[in-house]
Amino acid sequence: MAADCSLKQVVDGFAEGLQAIDQSRIPHKLFQPGVGPYGEAEAIRQALQHMRIQSPDLFSQAQTKRLPDVLVQGQWALEFKII
């Protein structure tokens, strides 16, 4: 079972994940590098992958789903919107 994580840890983790995608300079499809062209599902998936690597004790059991977008079992059901 993953350790309990606070809302701040979840928000910070996703912010760091999105920053990591952006700073990787890996282009998405035929677009210029950065996180901008990623769709909601792919951006969430990539950010969560980063979070699992950076904080496996908190996010190893987190999973992407259709509804909610991310489920941290027994702790958080997260829905994201790209703005």
PDB file of N, CA and C in Angstrom:
ATOM      1  N   MET A   1       0.847  -1.198   0.000  1.00  0.00           N
ATOM      2  CA  MET A   1       0.000   0.000   0.000  1.00  0.00           C
ATOM      3  C   MET A   1       0.877   1.240   0.000  1.00  0.00           C
ATOM      4  N   ALA A   2       0.531   2.192  -0.812  1.00  0.00           N
ATOM      5  CA  ALA A   2       1.289   3.446  -0.883  1.00  0.00           C
ATOM      6  C   ALA A   2       1.074   4.258   0.387  1.00  0.00           C
ATOM      7  N   ALA A   3       2.058   5.080   0.693  1.00  0.00           N
ATOM      8  CA  ALA A   3       1.946   5.983   1.840  1.00  0.00           C
ATOM      9  C   ALA A   3       0.863   7.020   1.549  1.00  0.00           C
ATOM     10  N   ASP A   4       0.279   7.570   2.611  1.00  0.00           N
ATOM     11  CA  ASP A   4      -0.709   8.633   2.436  1.00  0.00           C
ATOM     12  C   ASP A   4      -0.032   9.846   1.817  1.00  0.00           C
ATOM     13  N   CYS A   5      -0.733  10.485   0.888  1.00  0.00           N
ATOM     14  CA  CYS A   5      -0.176  11.698   0.289  1.00  0.00           C
ATOM     15  C   CYS A   5      -1.183  12.835   0.432  1.00  0.00           C
ATOM     16  N   SER A   6      -0.639  14.007   0.698  1.00  0.00           N
ATOM     17  CA  SER A   6      -1.470  15.193   0.876  1.00  0.00           C
ATOM     18  C   SER A   6      -1.818  15.790  -0.486  1.00  0.00           C
ATOM     19  N   LEU A   7      -2.808  16.654  -0.490  1.00  0.00           N
ATOM     20  CA  LEU A   7      -3.178  17.356  -1.723  1.00  0.00           C
ATOM     21  C   LEU A   7      -1.992  18.145  -2.250  1.00  0.00           C
ATOM     22  N   LYS A   8      -1.228  18.766  -1.375  1.00  0.00           N
ATOM     23  CA  LYS A   8      -0.049  19.530  -1.801  1.00  0.00           C
ATOM     24  C   LYS A   8       0.955  18.623  -2.508  1.00  0.00           C
ATOM     25  N   GLN A   9       1.166  17.410  -2.002  1.00  0.00           N
ATOM     26  CA  GLN A   9       2.101  16.493  -2.646  1.00  0.00           C
ATOM     27  C   GLN A   9       1.603  16.077  -4.033  1.00  0.00           C
ATOM     28  N   VAL A  10       0.298  15.891  -4.163  1.00  0.00           N
ATOM     29  CA  VAL A  10      -0.281  15.533  -5.458  1.00  0.00           C
ATOM     30  C   VAL A  10      -0.120  16.679  -6.441  1.00  0.00           C
ATOM     31  N   VAL A  11      -0.495  17.881  -6.029  1.00  0.00           N
ATOM     32  CA  VAL A  11      -0.399  19.050  -6.912  1.00  0.00           C
ATOM     33  C   VAL A  11       1.055  19.324  -7.283  1.00  0.00           C
ATOM     34  N   ASP A  12       1.941  19.314  -6.292  1.00  0.00           N
ATOM     35  CA  ASP A  12       3.366  19.534  -6.570  1.00  0.00           C
ATOM     36  C   ASP A  12       3.918  18.453  -7.496  1.00  0.00           C
ATOM     37  N   GLY A  13       3.515  17.209  -7.272  1.00  0.00           N
ATOM     38  CA  GLY A  13       3.982  16.110  -8.117  1.00  0.00           C
ATOM     39  C   GLY A  13       3.571  16.287  -9.564  1.00  0.00           C
ATOM     40  N   PHE A  14       2.314  16.666  -9.791  1.00  0.00           N
ATOM     41  CA  PHE A  14       1.864  16.888 -11.168  1.00  0.00           C
ATOM     42  C   PHE A  14       2.544  18.102 -11.785  1.00  0.00           C
ATOM     43  N   ALA A  15       2.726  19.165 -11.025  1.00  0.00           N
ATOM     44  CA  ALA A  15       3.420  20.348 -11.548  1.00  0.00           C
ATOM     45  C   ALA A  15       4.848  19.988 -11.952  1.00  0.00           C
ATOM     46  N   GLU A  16       5.539  19.229 -11.111  1.00  0.00           N
ATOM     47  CA  GLU A  16       6.905  18.805 -11.434  1.00  0.00           C
ATOM     48  C   GLU A  16       6.916  17.881 -12.641  1.00  0.00           C
ATOM     49  N   GLY A  17       5.929  17.001 -12.740  1.00  0.00           N
ATOM     50  CA  GLY A  17       5.839  16.112 -13.890  1.00  0.00           C
ATOM     51  C   GLY A  17       5.635  16.864 -15.190  1.00  0.00           C
ATOM     52  N   LEU A  18       4.744  17.851 -15.175  1.00  0.00           N
ATOM     53  CA  LEU A  18       4.514  18.657 -16.379  1.00  0.00           C
ATOM     54  C   LEU A  18       5.753  19.474 -16.738  1.00  0.00           C
ATOM     55  N   GLN A  19       6.438  19.989 -15.729  1.00  0.00           N
ATOM     56  CA  GLN A  19       7.686  20.715 -15.978  1.00  0.00           C
ATOM     57  C   GLN A  19       8.727  19.791 -16.600  1.00  0.00           C
ATOM     58  N   ALA A  20       8.816  18.566 -16.104  1.00  0.00           N
ATOM     59  CA  ALA A  20       9.788  17.613 -16.633  1.00  0.00           C
ATOM     60  C   ALA A  20       9.502  17.299 -18.101  1.00  0.00           C
ATOM     61  N   ILE A  21       8.224  17.132 -18.446  1.00  0.00           N
ATOM     62  CA  ILE A  21       7.855  16.902 -19.848  1.00  0.00           C
ATOM     63  C   ILE A  21       8.288  18.094 -20.682  1.00  0.00           C
ATOM     64  N   ASP A  22       7.977  19.294 -20.209  1.00  0.00           N
ATOM     65  CA  ASP A  22       8.308  20.509 -20.948  1.00  0.00           C
ATOM     66  C   ASP A  22       9.813  20.673 -21.119  1.00  0.00           C
ATOM     67  N   GLN A  23      10.564  20.415 -20.058  1.00  0.00           N
ATOM     68  CA  GLN A  23      12.012  20.601 -20.102  1.00  0.00           C
ATOM     69  C   GLN A  23      12.740  19.492 -20.851  1.00  0.00           C
ATOM     70  N   SER A  24      12.071  18.365 -21.078  1.00  0.00           N
ATOM     71  CA  SER A  24      12.720  17.267 -21.798  1.00  0.00           C
ATOM     72  C   SER A  24      13.000  17.644 -23.252  1.00  0.00           C
ATOM     73  N   ARG A  25      12.236  18.598 -23.759  1.00  0.00           N
ATOM     74  CA  ARG A  25      12.387  19.076 -25.135  1.00  0.00           C
ATOM     75  C   ARG A  25      12.116  17.968 -26.162  1.00  0.00           C
ATOM     76  N   ILE A  26      11.407  16.923 -25.749  1.00  0.00           N
ATOM     77  CA  ILE A  26      11.023  15.857 -26.677  1.00  0.00           C
ATOM     78  C   ILE A  26       9.743  16.295 -27.366  1.00  0.00           C
ATOM     79  N   PRO A  27       9.753  16.375 -28.686  1.00  0.00           N
ATOM     80  CA  PRO A  27       8.547  16.826 -29.387  1.00  0.00           C
ATOM     81  C   PRO A  27       7.426  15.784 -29.304  1.00  0.00           C
ATOM     82  N   HIS A  28       6.210  16.260 -29.236  1.00  0.00           N
ATOM     83  CA  HIS A  28       5.032  15.390 -29.259  1.00  0.00           C
ATOM     84  C   HIS A  28       4.513  15.363 -30.686  1.00  0.00           C
ATOM     85  N   LYS A  29       4.543  14.180 -31.276  1.00  0.00           N
ATOM     86  CA  LYS A  29       4.137  13.987 -32.676  1.00  0.00           C
ATOM     87  C   LYS A  29       4.979  14.915 -33.558  1.00  0.00           C
ATOM     88  N   LEU A  30       4.358  15.739 -34.370  1.00  0.00           N
ATOM     89  CA  LEU A  30       5.103  16.613 -35.281  1.00  0.00           C
ATOM     90  C   LEU A  30       5.186  18.049 -34.790  1.00  0.00           C
ATOM     91  N   PHE A  31       4.821  18.277 -33.544  1.00  0.00           N
ATOM     92  CA  PHE A  31       4.818  19.615 -32.975  1.00  0.00           C
ATOM     93  C   PHE A  31       6.190  19.976 -32.421  1.00  0.00           C
ATOM     94  N   GLN A  32       6.357  21.230 -32.064  1.00  0.00           N
ATOM     95  CA  GLN A  32       7.592  21.670 -31.439  1.00  0.00           C
ATOM     96  C   GLN A  32       7.702  21.067 -30.037  1.00  0.00           C
ATOM     97  N   PRO A  33       8.927  20.986 -29.501  1.00  0.00           N
ATOM     98  CA  PRO A  33       9.121  20.392 -28.173  1.00  0.00           C
ATOM     99  C   PRO A  33       8.366  21.143 -27.075  1.00  0.00           C
ATOM    100  N   GLY A  34       8.049  20.415 -26.033  1.00  0.00           N
ATOM    101  CA  GLY A  34       7.387  21.006 -24.873  1.00  0.00           C
ATOM    102  C   GLY A  34       6.066  20.323 -24.586  1.00  0.00           C
ATOM    103  N   VAL A  35       5.473  20.666 -23.466  1.00  0.00           N
ATOM    104  CA  VAL A  35       4.240  20.032 -23.014  1.00  0.00           C
ATOM    105  C   VAL A  35       3.006  20.592 -23.726  1.00  0.00           C
ATOM    106  N   GLY A  36       3.113  21.762 -24.333  1.00  0.00           N
ATOM    107  CA  GLY A  36       1.968  22.439 -24.941  1.00  0.00           C
ATOM    108  C   GLY A  36       1.098  21.604 -25.855  1.00  0.00           C
ATOM    109  N   PRO A  37       1.658  20.836 -26.793  1.00  0.00           N
ATOM    110  CA  PRO A  37       0.807  20.093 -27.723  1.00  0.00           C
ATOM    111  C   PRO A  37       0.194  18.805 -27.173  1.00  0.00           C
ATOM    112  N   TYR A  38       0.579  18.399 -25.982  1.00  0.00           N
ATOM    113  CA  TYR A  38       0.035  17.159 -25.433  1.00  0.00           C
ATOM    114  C   TYR A  38      -1.448  17.322 -25.135  1.00  0.00           C
ATOM    115  N   GLY A  39      -2.214  16.311 -25.433  1.00  0.00           N
ATOM    116  CA  GLY A  39      -3.613  16.280 -25.040  1.00  0.00           C
ATOM    117  C   GLY A  39      -3.711  15.970 -23.556  1.00  0.00           C
ATOM    118  N   GLU A  40      -4.891  16.137 -23.005  1.00  0.00           N
ATOM    119  CA  GLU A  40      -5.087  15.936 -21.573  1.00  0.00           C
ATOM    120  C   GLU A  40      -4.647  14.541 -21.116  1.00  0.00           C
ATOM    121  N   ALA A  41      -5.118  13.504 -21.783  1.00  0.00           N
ATOM    122  CA  ALA A  41      -4.815  12.135 -21.354  1.00  0.00           C
ATOM    123  C   ALA A  41      -3.322  11.840 -21.407  1.00  0.00           C
ATOM    124  N   GLU A  42      -2.655  12.242 -22.466  1.00  0.00           N
ATOM    125  CA  GLU A  42      -1.220  11.964 -22.604  1.00  0.00           C
ATOM    126  C   GLU A  42      -0.398  12.779 -21.608  1.00  0.00           C
ATOM    127  N   ALA A  43      -0.754  14.027 -21.378  1.00  0.00           N
ATOM    128  CA  ALA A  43      -0.038  14.853 -20.402  1.00  0.00           C
ATOM    129  C   ALA A  43      -0.171  14.252 -19.002  1.00  0.00           C
ATOM    130  N   ILE A  44      -1.366  13.795 -18.655  1.00  0.00           N
ATOM    131  CA  ILE A  44      -1.582  13.180 -17.348  1.00  0.00           C
ATOM    132  C   ILE A  44      -0.772  11.898 -17.224  1.00  0.00           C
ATOM    133  N   ARG A  45      -0.819  11.073 -18.257  1.00  0.00           N
ATOM    134  CA  ARG A  45      -0.087   9.804 -18.250  1.00  0.00           C
ATOM    135  C   ARG A  45       1.413  10.034 -18.071  1.00  0.00           C
ATOM    136  N   GLN A  46       1.972  10.995 -18.809  1.00  0.00           N
ATOM    137  CA  GLN A  46       3.405  11.292 -18.734  1.00  0.00           C
ATOM    138  C   GLN A  46       3.777  11.881 -17.368  1.00  0.00           C
ATOM    139  N   ALA A  47       2.957  12.783 -16.865  1.00  0.00           N
ATOM    140  CA  ALA A  47       3.235  13.385 -15.554  1.00  0.00           C
ATOM    141  C   ALA A  47       3.183  12.325 -14.462  1.00  0.00           C
ATOM    142  N   LEU A  48       2.204  11.425 -14.525  1.00  0.00           N
ATOM    143  CA  LEU A  48       2.097  10.370 -13.517  1.00  0.00           C
ATOM    144  C   LEU A  48       3.288   9.419 -13.589  1.00  0.00           C
ATOM    145  N   GLN A  49       3.761   9.140 -14.786  1.00  0.00           N
ATOM    146  CA  GLN A  49       4.952   8.303 -14.934  1.00  0.00           C
ATOM    147  C   GLN A  49       6.142   8.949 -14.218  1.00  0.00           C
ATOM    148  N   HIS A  50       6.310  10.243 -14.394  1.00  0.00           N
ATOM    149  CA  HIS A  50       7.377  10.985 -13.709  1.00  0.00           C
ATOM    150  C   HIS A  50       7.193  10.906 -12.191  1.00  0.00           C
ATOM    151  N   MET A  51       5.956  11.058 -11.728  1.00  0.00           N
ATOM    152  CA  MET A  51       5.669  11.021 -10.296  1.00  0.00           C
ATOM    153  C   MET A  51       6.012   9.658  -9.698  1.00  0.00           C
ATOM    154  N   ARG A  52       5.708   8.595 -10.440  1.00  0.00           N
ATOM    155  CA  ARG A  52       6.028   7.243  -9.943  1.00  0.00           C
ATOM    156  C   ARG A  52       7.529   7.050  -9.765  1.00  0.00           C
ATOM    157  N   ILE A  53       8.300   7.626 -10.663  1.00  0.00           N
ATOM    158  CA  ILE A  53       9.762   7.513 -10.581  1.00  0.00           C
ATOM    159  C   ILE A  53      10.295   8.362  -9.436  1.00  0.00           C
ATOM    160  N   GLN A  54       9.804   9.586  -9.306  1.00  0.00           N
ATOM    161  CA  GLN A  54      10.308  10.525  -8.303  1.00  0.00           C
ATOM    162  C   GLN A  54       9.846  10.188  -6.885  1.00  0.00           C
ATOM    163  N   SER A  55       8.628   9.674  -6.750  1.00  0.00           N
ATOM    164  CA  SER A  55       8.063   9.387  -5.415  1.00  0.00           C
ATOM    165  C   SER A  55       7.327   8.056  -5.436  1.00  0.00           C
ATOM    166  N   PRO A  56       8.054   6.951  -5.617  1.00  0.00           N
ATOM    167  CA  PRO A  56       7.372   5.657  -5.704  1.00  0.00           C
ATOM    168  C   PRO A  56       6.610   5.286  -4.433  1.00  0.00           C
ATOM    169  N   ASP A  57       7.068   5.760  -3.286  1.00  0.00           N
ATOM    170  CA  ASP A  57       6.362   5.454  -2.041  1.00  0.00           C
ATOM    171  C   ASP A  57       4.973   6.090  -1.998  1.00  0.00           C
ATOM    172  N   LEU A  58       4.788   7.195  -2.720  1.00  0.00           N
ATOM    173  CA  LEU A  58       3.488   7.878  -2.732  1.00  0.00           C
ATOM    174  C   LEU A  58       2.621   7.484  -3.920  1.00  0.00           C
ATOM    175  N   PHE A  59       3.240   7.275  -5.092  1.00  0.00           N
ATOM    176  CA  PHE A  59       2.448   7.168  -6.317  1.00  0.00           C
ATOM    177  C   PHE A  59       2.597   5.857  -7.078  1.00  0.00           C
ATOM    178  N   SER A  60       3.244   4.863  -6.487  1.00  0.00           N
ATOM    179  CA  SER A  60       3.448   3.608  -7.210  1.00  0.00           C
ATOM    180  C   SER A  60       2.125   2.934  -7.567  1.00  0.00           C
ATOM    181  N   GLN A  61       1.112   3.090  -6.751  1.00  0.00           N
ATOM    182  CA  GLN A  61      -0.184   2.452  -6.997  1.00  0.00           C
ATOM    183  C   GLN A  61      -1.171   3.360  -7.738  1.00  0.00           C
ATOM    184  N   ALA A  62      -0.781   4.601  -8.009  1.00  0.00           N
ATOM    185  CA  ALA A  62      -1.673   5.518  -8.726  1.00  0.00           C
ATOM    186  C   ALA A  62      -1.838   5.029 -10.160  1.00  0.00           C
ATOM    187  N   GLN A  63      -3.031   5.192 -10.680  1.00  0.00           N
ATOM    188  CA  GLN A  63      -3.277   4.723 -12.041  1.00  0.00           C
ATOM    189  C   GLN A  63      -4.170   5.686 -12.799  1.00  0.00           C
ATOM    190  N   THR A  64      -3.950   5.745 -14.096  1.00  0.00           N
ATOM    191  CA  THR A  64      -4.812   6.563 -14.944  1.00  0.00           C
ATOM    192  C   THR A  64      -6.036   5.732 -15.291  1.00  0.00           C
ATOM    193  N   LYS A  65      -7.150   6.420 -15.383  1.00  0.00           N
ATOM    194  CA  LYS A  65      -8.417   5.770 -15.692  1.00  0.00           C
ATOM    195  C   LYS A  65      -9.226   6.713 -16.585  1.00  0.00           C
ATOM    196  N   ARG A  66     -10.316   6.215 -17.068  1.00  0.00           N
ATOM    197  CA  ARG A  66     -11.205   7.073 -17.852  1.00  0.00           C
ATOM    198  C   ARG A  66     -11.954   8.028 -16.929  1.00  0.00           C
ATOM    199  N   LEU A  67     -12.450   7.505 -15.813  1.00  0.00           N
ATOM    200  CA  LEU A  67     -13.154   8.331 -14.836  1.00  0.00           C
ATOM    201  C   LEU A  67     -12.887   7.758 -13.456  1.00  0.00           C
ATOM    202  N   PRO A  68     -12.221   8.379 -12.596  1.00  0.00           N
ATOM    203  CA  PRO A  68     -11.559   9.679 -12.721  1.00  0.00           C
ATOM    204  C   PRO A  68     -10.280   9.543 -13.539  1.00  0.00           C
ATOM    205  N   ASP A  69      -9.693  10.682 -13.894  1.00  0.00           N
ATOM    206  CA  ASP A  69      -8.462  10.657 -14.687  1.00  0.00           C
ATOM    207  C   ASP A  69      -7.338   9.929 -13.971  1.00  0.00           C
ATOM    208  N   VAL A  70      -7.197  10.159 -12.675  1.00  0.00           N
ATOM    209  CA  VAL A  70      -6.169   9.495 -11.863  1.00  0.00           C
ATOM    210  C   VAL A  70      -6.812   9.022 -10.566  1.00  0.00           C
ATOM    211  N   LEU A  71      -6.491   7.792 -10.211  1.00  0.00           N
ATOM    212  CA  LEU A  71      -6.968   7.239  -8.961  1.00  0.00           C
ATOM    213  C   LEU A  71      -5.760   6.848  -8.118  1.00  0.00           C
ATOM    214  N   VAL A  72      -5.640   7.480  -6.952  1.00  0.00           N
ATOM    215  CA  VAL A  72      -4.655   7.082  -5.959  1.00  0.00           C
ATOM    216  C   VAL A  72      -5.474   6.284  -4.955  1.00  0.00           C
ATOM    217  N   GLN A  73      -5.398   4.973  -5.082  1.00  0.00           N
ATOM    218  CA  GLN A  73      -6.281   4.049  -4.376  1.00  0.00           C
ATOM    219  C   GLN A  73      -6.492   4.410  -2.904  1.00  0.00           C
ATOM    220  N   GLY A  74      -7.750   4.580  -2.531  1.00  0.00           N
ATOM    221  CA  GLY A  74      -8.116   4.844  -1.146  1.00  0.00           C
ATOM    222  C   GLY A  74      -7.786   6.241  -0.658  1.00  0.00           C
ATOM    223  N   GLN A  75      -7.284   7.123  -1.561  1.00  0.00           N
ATOM    224  CA  GLN A  75      -6.881   8.457  -1.124  1.00  0.00           C
ATOM    225  C   GLN A  75      -7.441   9.576  -1.988  1.00  0.00           C
ATOM    226  N   TRP A  76      -7.234   9.488  -3.296  1.00  0.00           N
ATOM    227  CA  TRP A  76      -7.613  10.593  -4.175  1.00  0.00           C
ATOM    228  C   TRP A  76      -8.232  10.065  -5.454  1.00  0.00           C
ATOM    229  N   ALA A  77      -9.289  10.718  -5.900  1.00  0.00           N
ATOM    230  CA  ALA A  77      -9.871  10.521  -7.216  1.00  0.00           C
ATOM    231  C   ALA A  77      -9.756  11.883  -7.894  1.00  0.00           C
ATOM    232  N   LEU A  78      -8.908  11.977  -8.913  1.00  0.00           N
ATOM    233  CA  LEU A  78      -8.559  13.272  -9.505  1.00  0.00           C
ATOM    234  C   LEU A  78      -9.093  13.398 -10.922  1.00  0.00           C
ATOM    235  N   GLU A  79      -9.670  14.532 -11.226  1.00  0.00           N
ATOM    236  CA  GLU A  79     -10.154  14.849 -12.563  1.00  0.00           C
ATOM    237  C   GLU A  79      -9.425  16.110 -13.025  1.00  0.00           C
ATOM    238  N   PHE A  80      -8.876  16.076 -14.228  1.00  0.00           N
ATOM    239  CA  PHE A  80      -8.109  17.197 -14.769  1.00  0.00           C
ATOM    240  C   PHE A  80      -8.804  17.811 -15.965  1.00  0.00           C
ATOM    241  N   LYS A  81      -8.554  19.079 -16.178  1.00  0.00           N
ATOM    242  CA  LYS A  81      -9.035  19.788 -17.365  1.00  0.00           C
ATOM    243  C   LYS A  81      -7.897  20.651 -17.892  1.00  0.00           C
ATOM    244  N   ILE A  82      -7.681  20.570 -19.179  1.00  0.00           N
ATOM    245  CA  ILE A  82      -6.661  21.433 -19.783  1.00  0.00           C
ATOM    246  C   ILE A  82      -7.280  22.802 -20.001  1.00  0.00           C
ATOM    247  N   ILE A  83      -6.551  23.830 -19.557  1.00  0.00           N
ATOM    248  CA  ILE A  83      -7.046  25.191 -19.760  1.00  0.00           C
ATOM    249  C   ILE A  83      -6.032  25.992 -20.539  1.00  0.00           C
TER     250      ILE A  83
END
